[in-house]
Amino acid sequence: MDSLEFVGLTKVAYSLVLAPSAPFTVAALTGSKTVTVRFTPASPQSYNYASLVIGSDDPDEPVVELALSGTGRPAQ
């Protein structure tokens, strides 16, 4: 993996908490890495216009985009 980046209108509500430093290697077919994304909404609204974009050297899929969504709740 070459990069991890948040994109979109509501990307500020998301951050990486636990992720390997890019670039990092994931074994083909059976490999995995844990990436923890934190959702921190600033107000009670929908945060559906954001994605985590993963860049890699995979010739078939050099960029993978994972849609993110969440809803902020009013403070109690």
PDB file of N, CA and C in Angstrom:
ATOM      1  N   MET A   1       0.837  -1.162   0.000  1.00  0.00           N
ATOM      2  CA  MET A   1       0.000   0.000   0.000  1.00  0.00           C
ATOM      3  C   MET A   1       0.888   1.233   0.000  1.00  0.00           C
ATOM      4  N   ASP A   2       0.551   2.145  -0.881  1.00  0.00           N
ATOM      5  CA  ASP A   2       1.348   3.362  -1.014  1.00  0.00           C
ATOM      6  C   ASP A   2       0.793   4.544  -0.227  1.00  0.00           C
ATOM      7  N   SER A   3      -0.545   4.591  -0.080  1.00  0.00           N
ATOM      8  CA  SER A   3      -1.131   5.755   0.581  1.00  0.00           C
ATOM      9  C   SER A   3      -2.511   5.442   1.150  1.00  0.00           C
ATOM     10  N   LEU A   4      -2.881   6.200   2.176  1.00  0.00           N
ATOM     11  CA  LEU A   4      -4.215   6.184   2.778  1.00  0.00           C
ATOM     12  C   LEU A   4      -4.629   7.645   2.898  1.00  0.00           C
ATOM     13  N   GLU A   5      -5.762   8.009   2.304  1.00  0.00           N
ATOM     14  CA  GLU A   5      -6.162   9.417   2.296  1.00  0.00           C
ATOM     15  C   GLU A   5      -7.680   9.529   2.378  1.00  0.00           C
ATOM     16  N   PHE A   6      -8.152  10.462   3.195  1.00  0.00           N
ATOM     17  CA  PHE A   6      -9.579  10.757   3.248  1.00  0.00           C
ATOM     18  C   PHE A   6      -9.894  11.819   2.208  1.00  0.00           C
ATOM     19  N   VAL A   7     -11.009  11.633   1.498  1.00  0.00           N
ATOM     20  CA  VAL A   7     -11.460  12.602   0.507  1.00  0.00           C
ATOM     21  C   VAL A   7     -12.963  12.814   0.681  1.00  0.00           C
ATOM     22  N   GLY A   8     -13.474  13.917   0.161  1.00  0.00           N
ATOM     23  CA  GLY A   8     -14.907  14.172   0.170  1.00  0.00           C
ATOM     24  C   GLY A   8     -15.286  15.382   1.000  1.00  0.00           C
ATOM     25  N   LEU A   9     -16.562  15.749   0.897  1.00  0.00           N
ATOM     26  CA  LEU A   9     -17.072  16.943   1.560  1.00  0.00           C
ATOM     27  C   LEU A   9     -17.048  16.857   3.082  1.00  0.00           C
ATOM     28  N   THR A  10     -17.213  15.663   3.632  1.00  0.00           N
ATOM     29  CA  THR A  10     -17.262  15.524   5.094  1.00  0.00           C
ATOM     30  C   THR A  10     -16.052  14.773   5.642  1.00  0.00           C
ATOM     31  N   LYS A  11     -14.934  14.821   4.945  1.00  0.00           N
ATOM     32  CA  LYS A  11     -13.738  14.072   5.352  1.00  0.00           C
ATOM     33  C   LYS A  11     -13.189  14.510   6.701  1.00  0.00           C
ATOM     34  N   VAL A  12     -13.476  15.739   7.140  1.00  0.00           N
ATOM     35  CA  VAL A  12     -12.934  16.231   8.418  1.00  0.00           C
ATOM     36  C   VAL A  12     -13.478  15.456   9.624  1.00  0.00           C
ATOM     37  N   ALA A  13     -14.570  14.730   9.450  1.00  0.00           N
ATOM     38  CA  ALA A  13     -15.150  13.961  10.555  1.00  0.00           C
ATOM     39  C   ALA A  13     -14.437  12.627  10.766  1.00  0.00           C
ATOM     40  N   TYR A  14     -13.491  12.287   9.901  1.00  0.00           N
ATOM     41  CA  TYR A  14     -12.812  10.999   9.949  1.00  0.00           C
ATOM     42  C   TYR A  14     -11.311  11.189  10.121  1.00  0.00           C
ATOM     43  N   SER A  15     -10.703  10.285  10.892  1.00  0.00           N
ATOM     44  CA  SER A  15      -9.251  10.316  11.047  1.00  0.00           C
ATOM     45  C   SER A  15      -8.747   8.898  11.266  1.00  0.00           C
ATOM     46  N   LEU A  16      -7.464   8.700  10.991  1.00  0.00           N
ATOM     47  CA  LEU A  16      -6.834   7.406  11.230  1.00  0.00           C
ATOM     48  C   LEU A  16      -6.332   7.368  12.668  1.00  0.00           C
ATOM     49  N   VAL A  17      -6.695   6.323  13.381  1.00  0.00           N
ATOM     50  CA  VAL A  17      -6.260   6.149  14.756  1.00  0.00           C
ATOM     51  C   VAL A  17      -5.133   5.141  14.806  1.00  0.00           C
ATOM     52  N   LEU A  18      -5.327   4.043  14.138  1.00  0.00           N
ATOM     53  CA  LEU A  18      -4.352   2.969  14.127  1.00  0.00           C
ATOM     54  C   LEU A  18      -4.167   2.521  12.692  1.00  0.00           C
ATOM     55  N   ALA A  19      -2.996   2.775  12.152  1.00  0.00           N
ATOM     56  CA  ALA A  19      -2.700   2.371  10.785  1.00  0.00           C
ATOM     57  C   ALA A  19      -1.189   2.277  10.632  1.00  0.00           C
ATOM     58  N   PRO A  20      -0.731   1.322   9.850  1.00  0.00           N
ATOM     59  CA  PRO A  20       0.699   1.263   9.571  1.00  0.00           C
ATOM     60  C   PRO A  20       1.123   2.490   8.763  1.00  0.00           C
ATOM     61  N   SER A  21       2.352   2.900   8.908  1.00  0.00           N
ATOM     62  CA  SER A  21       2.863   4.017   8.112  1.00  0.00           C
ATOM     63  C   SER A  21       3.007   3.580   6.667  1.00  0.00           C
ATOM     64  N   ALA A  22       2.498   4.412   5.773  1.00  0.00           N
ATOM     65  CA  ALA A  22       2.607   4.120   4.336  1.00  0.00           C
ATOM     66  C   ALA A  22       3.992   4.527   3.863  1.00  0.00           C
ATOM     67  N   PRO A  23       4.580   3.808   2.958  1.00  0.00           N
ATOM     68  CA  PRO A  23       4.085   2.583   2.325  1.00  0.00           C
ATOM     69  C   PRO A  23       4.286   1.367   3.235  1.00  0.00           C
ATOM     70  N   PHE A  24       3.402   0.380   3.071  1.00  0.00           N
ATOM     71  CA  PHE A  24       3.521  -0.883   3.793  1.00  0.00           C
ATOM     72  C   PHE A  24       3.085  -2.019   2.875  1.00  0.00           C
ATOM     73  N   THR A  25       3.473  -3.223   3.231  1.00  0.00           N
ATOM     74  CA  THR A  25       3.219  -4.388   2.387  1.00  0.00           C
ATOM     75  C   THR A  25       2.136  -5.261   3.002  1.00  0.00           C
ATOM     76  N   VAL A  26       1.253  -5.757   2.133  1.00  0.00           N
ATOM     77  CA  VAL A  26       0.236  -6.735   2.514  1.00  0.00           C
ATOM     78  C   VAL A  26       0.449  -7.938   1.612  1.00  0.00           C
ATOM     79  N   ALA A  27       0.587  -9.109   2.203  1.00  0.00           N
ATOM     80  CA  ALA A  27       0.820 -10.324   1.420  1.00  0.00           C
ATOM     81  C   ALA A  27      -0.344 -10.578   0.463  1.00  0.00           C
ATOM     82  N   ALA A  28      -0.019 -10.998  -0.744  1.00  0.00           N
ATOM     83  CA  ALA A  28      -1.034 -11.279  -1.762  1.00  0.00           C
ATOM     84  C   ALA A  28      -1.968 -12.391  -1.297  1.00  0.00           C
ATOM     85  N   LEU A  29      -3.242 -12.240  -1.590  1.00  0.00           N
ATOM     86  CA  LEU A  29      -4.323 -13.200  -1.342  1.00  0.00           C
ATOM     87  C   LEU A  29      -4.658 -13.432   0.125  1.00  0.00           C
ATOM     88  N   THR A  30      -3.705 -13.697   0.979  1.00  0.00           N
ATOM     89  CA  THR A  30      -4.016 -14.059   2.356  1.00  0.00           C
ATOM     90  C   THR A  30      -3.625 -12.994   3.375  1.00  0.00           C
ATOM     91  N   GLY A  31      -2.975 -11.945   2.950  1.00  0.00           N
ATOM     92  CA  GLY A  31      -2.484 -10.946   3.888  1.00  0.00           C
ATOM     93  C   GLY A  31      -3.555  -9.977   4.339  1.00  0.00           C
ATOM     94  N   SER A  32      -3.285  -9.339   5.468  1.00  0.00           N
ATOM     95  CA  SER A  32      -4.192  -8.306   5.959  1.00  0.00           C
ATOM     96  C   SER A  32      -3.427  -7.341   6.864  1.00  0.00           C
ATOM     97  N   LYS A  33      -3.956  -6.142   7.008  1.00  0.00           N
ATOM     98  CA  LYS A  33      -3.444  -5.132   7.933  1.00  0.00           C
ATOM     99  C   LYS A  33      -4.662  -4.474   8.567  1.00  0.00           C
ATOM    100  N   THR A  34      -4.545  -4.106   9.813  1.00  0.00           N
ATOM    101  CA  THR A  34      -5.632  -3.426  10.507  1.00  0.00           C
ATOM    102  C   THR A  34      -5.455  -1.924  10.382  1.00  0.00           C
ATOM    103  N   VAL A  35      -6.537  -1.259   9.999  1.00  0.00           N
ATOM    104  CA  VAL A  35      -6.582   0.200   9.921  1.00  0.00           C
ATOM    105  C   VAL A  35      -7.819   0.626  10.700  1.00  0.00           C
ATOM    106  N   THR A  36      -7.644   1.454  11.720  1.00  0.00           N
ATOM    107  CA  THR A  36      -8.766   1.911  12.531  1.00  0.00           C
ATOM    108  C   THR A  36      -9.090   3.354  12.170  1.00  0.00           C
ATOM    109  N   VAL A  37     -10.357   3.589  11.825  1.00  0.00           N
ATOM    110  CA  VAL A  37     -10.833   4.913  11.449  1.00  0.00           C
ATOM    111  C   VAL A  37     -11.715   5.440  12.584  1.00  0.00           C
ATOM    112  N   ARG A  38     -11.448   6.674  13.018  1.00  0.00           N
ATOM    113  CA  ARG A  38     -12.263   7.317  14.055  1.00  0.00           C
ATOM    114  C   ARG A  38     -13.251   8.270  13.390  1.00  0.00           C
ATOM    115  N   PHE A  39     -14.495   8.209  13.864  1.00  0.00           N
ATOM    116  CA  PHE A  39     -15.551   9.120  13.407  1.00  0.00           C
ATOM    117  C   PHE A  39     -15.819  10.109  14.526  1.00  0.00           C
ATOM    118  N   THR A  40     -15.572  11.395  14.265  1.00  0.00           N
ATOM    119  CA  THR A  40     -15.753  12.451  15.261  1.00  0.00           C
ATOM    120  C   THR A  40     -16.610  13.556  14.647  1.00  0.00           C
ATOM    121  N   PRO A  41     -17.934  13.415  14.728  1.00  0.00           N
ATOM    122  CA  PRO A  41     -18.807  14.423  14.121  1.00  0.00           C
ATOM    123  C   PRO A  41     -18.789  15.725  14.916  1.00  0.00           C
ATOM    124  N   ALA A  42     -18.858  16.836  14.210  1.00  0.00           N
ATOM    125  CA  ALA A  42     -18.852  18.150  14.857  1.00  0.00           C
ATOM    126  C   ALA A  42     -20.257  18.631  15.186  1.00  0.00           C
ATOM    127  N   SER A  43     -21.273  18.077  14.508  1.00  0.00           N
ATOM    128  CA  SER A  43     -22.648  18.501  14.737  1.00  0.00           C
ATOM    129  C   SER A  43     -23.607  17.362  14.394  1.00  0.00           C
ATOM    130  N   PRO A  44     -24.861  17.463  14.829  1.00  0.00           N
ATOM    131  CA  PRO A  44     -25.837  16.415  14.550  1.00  0.00           C
ATOM    132  C   PRO A  44     -26.338  16.481  13.106  1.00  0.00           C
ATOM    133  N   GLN A  45     -25.624  15.819  12.234  1.00  0.00           N
ATOM    134  CA  GLN A  45     -25.969  15.782  10.814  1.00  0.00           C
ATOM    135  C   GLN A  45     -25.399  14.509  10.217  1.00  0.00           C
ATOM    136  N   SER A  46     -25.710  14.262   8.962  1.00  0.00           N
ATOM    137  CA  SER A  46     -25.143  13.116   8.244  1.00  0.00           C
ATOM    138  C   SER A  46     -23.773  13.473   7.695  1.00  0.00           C
ATOM    139  N   TYR A  47     -22.872  12.512   7.763  1.00  0.00           N
ATOM    140  CA  TYR A  47     -21.514  12.660   7.234  1.00  0.00           C
ATOM    141  C   TYR A  47     -21.295  11.535   6.219  1.00  0.00           C
ATOM    142  N   ASN A  48     -22.019  11.620   5.105  1.00  0.00           N
ATOM    143  CA  ASN A  48     -22.034  10.537   4.125  1.00  0.00           C
ATOM    144  C   ASN A  48     -21.182  10.806   2.893  1.00  0.00           C
ATOM    145  N   TYR A  49     -20.570  11.955   2.804  1.00  0.00           N
ATOM    146  CA  TYR A  49     -19.815  12.293   1.599  1.00  0.00           C
ATOM    147  C   TYR A  49     -18.321  12.271   1.877  1.00  0.00           C
ATOM    148  N   ALA A  50     -17.825  11.083   2.242  1.00  0.00           N
ATOM    149  CA  ALA A  50     -16.402  10.909   2.495  1.00  0.00           C
ATOM    150  C   ALA A  50     -15.998   9.490   2.118  1.00  0.00           C
ATOM    151  N   SER A  51     -14.735   9.342   1.791  1.00  0.00           N
ATOM    152  CA  SER A  51     -14.186   8.030   1.442  1.00  0.00           C
ATOM    153  C   SER A  51     -12.757   7.941   1.942  1.00  0.00           C
ATOM    154  N   LEU A  52     -12.326   6.706   2.190  1.00  0.00           N
ATOM    155  CA  LEU A  52     -10.925   6.422   2.447  1.00  0.00           C
ATOM    156  C   LEU A  52     -10.368   5.857   1.151  1.00  0.00           C
ATOM    157  N   VAL A  53      -9.411   6.541   0.575  1.00  0.00           N
ATOM    158  CA  VAL A  53      -8.807   6.125  -0.692  1.00  0.00           C
ATOM    159  C   VAL A  53      -7.478   5.449  -0.389  1.00  0.00           C
ATOM    160  N   ILE A  54      -7.330   4.229  -0.892  1.00  0.00           N
ATOM    161  CA  ILE A  54      -6.125   3.428  -0.671  1.00  0.00           C
ATOM    162  C   ILE A  54      -5.404   3.294  -2.003  1.00  0.00           C
ATOM    163  N   GLY A  55      -4.166   3.765  -2.045  1.00  0.00           N
ATOM    164  CA  GLY A  55      -3.344   3.647  -3.251  1.00  0.00           C
ATOM    165  C   GLY A  55      -2.351   2.514  -3.097  1.00  0.00           C
ATOM    166  N   SER A  56      -2.139   1.767  -4.174  1.00  0.00           N
ATOM    167  CA  SER A  56      -1.207   0.642  -4.108  1.00  0.00           C
ATOM    168  C   SER A  56      -0.513   0.430  -5.449  1.00  0.00           C
ATOM    169  N   ASP A  57       0.362  -0.568  -5.472  1.00  0.00           N
ATOM    170  CA  ASP A  57       1.038  -0.913  -6.725  1.00  0.00           C
ATOM    171  C   ASP A  57       0.350  -2.085  -7.425  1.00  0.00           C
ATOM    172  N   ASP A  58      -0.867  -2.417  -7.032  1.00  0.00           N
ATOM    173  CA  ASP A  58      -1.635  -3.485  -7.665  1.00  0.00           C
ATOM    174  C   ASP A  58      -1.958  -3.076  -9.103  1.00  0.00           C
ATOM    175  N   PRO A  59      -1.515  -3.841 -10.100  1.00  0.00           N
ATOM    176  CA  PRO A  59      -1.757  -3.455 -11.490  1.00  0.00           C
ATOM    177  C   PRO A  59      -3.235  -3.503 -11.883  1.00  0.00           C
ATOM    178  N   ASP A  60      -4.030  -4.328 -11.213  1.00  0.00           N
ATOM    179  CA  ASP A  60      -5.455  -4.428 -11.547  1.00  0.00           C
ATOM    180  C   ASP A  60      -6.294  -3.352 -10.856  1.00  0.00           C
ATOM    181  N   GLU A  61      -5.959  -3.014  -9.630  1.00  0.00           N
ATOM    182  CA  GLU A  61      -6.691  -2.003  -8.867  1.00  0.00           C
ATOM    183  C   GLU A  61      -5.715  -1.122  -8.098  1.00  0.00           C
ATOM    184  N   PRO A  62      -5.097  -0.155  -8.768  1.00  0.00           N
ATOM    185  CA  PRO A  62      -4.121   0.692  -8.079  1.00  0.00           C
ATOM    186  C   PRO A  62      -4.741   1.642  -7.056  1.00  0.00           C
ATOM    187  N   VAL A  63      -6.059   1.906  -7.192  1.00  0.00           N
ATOM    188  CA  VAL A  63      -6.758   2.768  -6.245  1.00  0.00           C
ATOM    189  C   VAL A  63      -8.072   2.092  -5.854  1.00  0.00           C
ATOM    190  N   VAL A  64      -8.290   1.987  -4.535  1.00  0.00           N
ATOM    191  CA  VAL A  64      -9.542   1.459  -4.006  1.00  0.00           C
ATOM    192  C   VAL A  64     -10.150   2.535  -3.133  1.00  0.00           C
ATOM    193  N   GLU A  65     -11.438   2.795  -3.327  1.00  0.00           N
ATOM    194  CA  GLU A  65     -12.127   3.828  -2.563  1.00  0.00           C
ATOM    195  C   GLU A  65     -13.209   3.176  -1.706  1.00  0.00           C
ATOM    196  N   LEU A  66     -13.113   3.379  -0.392  1.00  0.00           N
ATOM    197  CA  LEU A  66     -14.072   2.831   0.561  1.00  0.00           C
ATOM    198  C   LEU A  66     -14.978   3.947   1.049  1.00  0.00           C
ATOM    199  N   ALA A  67     -16.280   3.849   0.788  1.00  0.00           N
ATOM    200  CA  ALA A  67     -17.225   4.867   1.220  1.00  0.00           C
ATOM    201  C   ALA A  67     -17.379   4.826   2.740  1.00  0.00           C
ATOM    202  N   LEU A  68     -17.454   6.015   3.353  1.00  0.00           N
ATOM    203  CA  LEU A  68     -17.646   6.155   4.788  1.00  0.00           C
ATOM    204  C   LEU A  68     -18.950   6.905   5.038  1.00  0.00           C
ATOM    205  N   SER A  69     -19.656   6.527   6.091  1.00  0.00           N
ATOM    206  CA  SER A  69     -20.865   7.267   6.436  1.00  0.00           C
ATOM    207  C   SER A  69     -21.102   7.203   7.933  1.00  0.00           C
ATOM    208  N   GLY A  70     -21.737   8.229   8.462  1.00  0.00           N
ATOM    209  CA  GLY A  70     -22.068   8.273   9.872  1.00  0.00           C
ATOM    210  C   GLY A  70     -23.034   9.415  10.125  1.00  0.00           C
ATOM    211  N   THR A  71     -23.654   9.402  11.284  1.00  0.00           N
ATOM    212  CA  THR A  71     -24.587  10.456  11.658  1.00  0.00           C
ATOM    213  C   THR A  71     -24.225  10.948  13.048  1.00  0.00           C
ATOM    214  N   GLY A  72     -24.000  12.245  13.156  1.00  0.00           N
ATOM    215  CA  GLY A  72     -23.736  12.850  14.452  1.00  0.00           C
ATOM    216  C   GLY A  72     -25.022  12.916  15.263  1.00  0.00           C
ATOM    217  N   ARG A  73     -24.918  12.727  16.552  1.00  0.00           N
ATOM    218  CA  ARG A  73     -26.073  12.788  17.455  1.00  0.00           C
ATOM    219  C   ARG A  73     -25.982  14.051  18.299  1.00  0.00           C
ATOM    220  N   PRO A  74     -27.141  14.637  18.673  1.00  0.00           N
ATOM    221  CA  PRO A  74     -27.106  15.792  19.546  1.00  0.00           C
ATOM    222  C   PRO A  74     -26.464  15.435  20.892  1.00  0.00           C
ATOM    223  N   ALA A  75     -25.781  16.385  21.499  1.00  0.00           N
ATOM    224  CA  ALA A  75     -25.165  16.165  22.805  1.00  0.00           C
ATOM    225  C   ALA A  75     -26.254  15.921  23.835  1.00  0.00           C
ATOM    226  N   GLN A  76     -26.018  14.992  24.725  1.00  0.00           N
ATOM    227  CA  GLN A  76     -27.015  14.641  25.747  1.00  0.00           C
ATOM    228  C   GLN A  76     -26.677  15.293  27.062  1.00  0.00           C
TER     229      GLN A  76
END
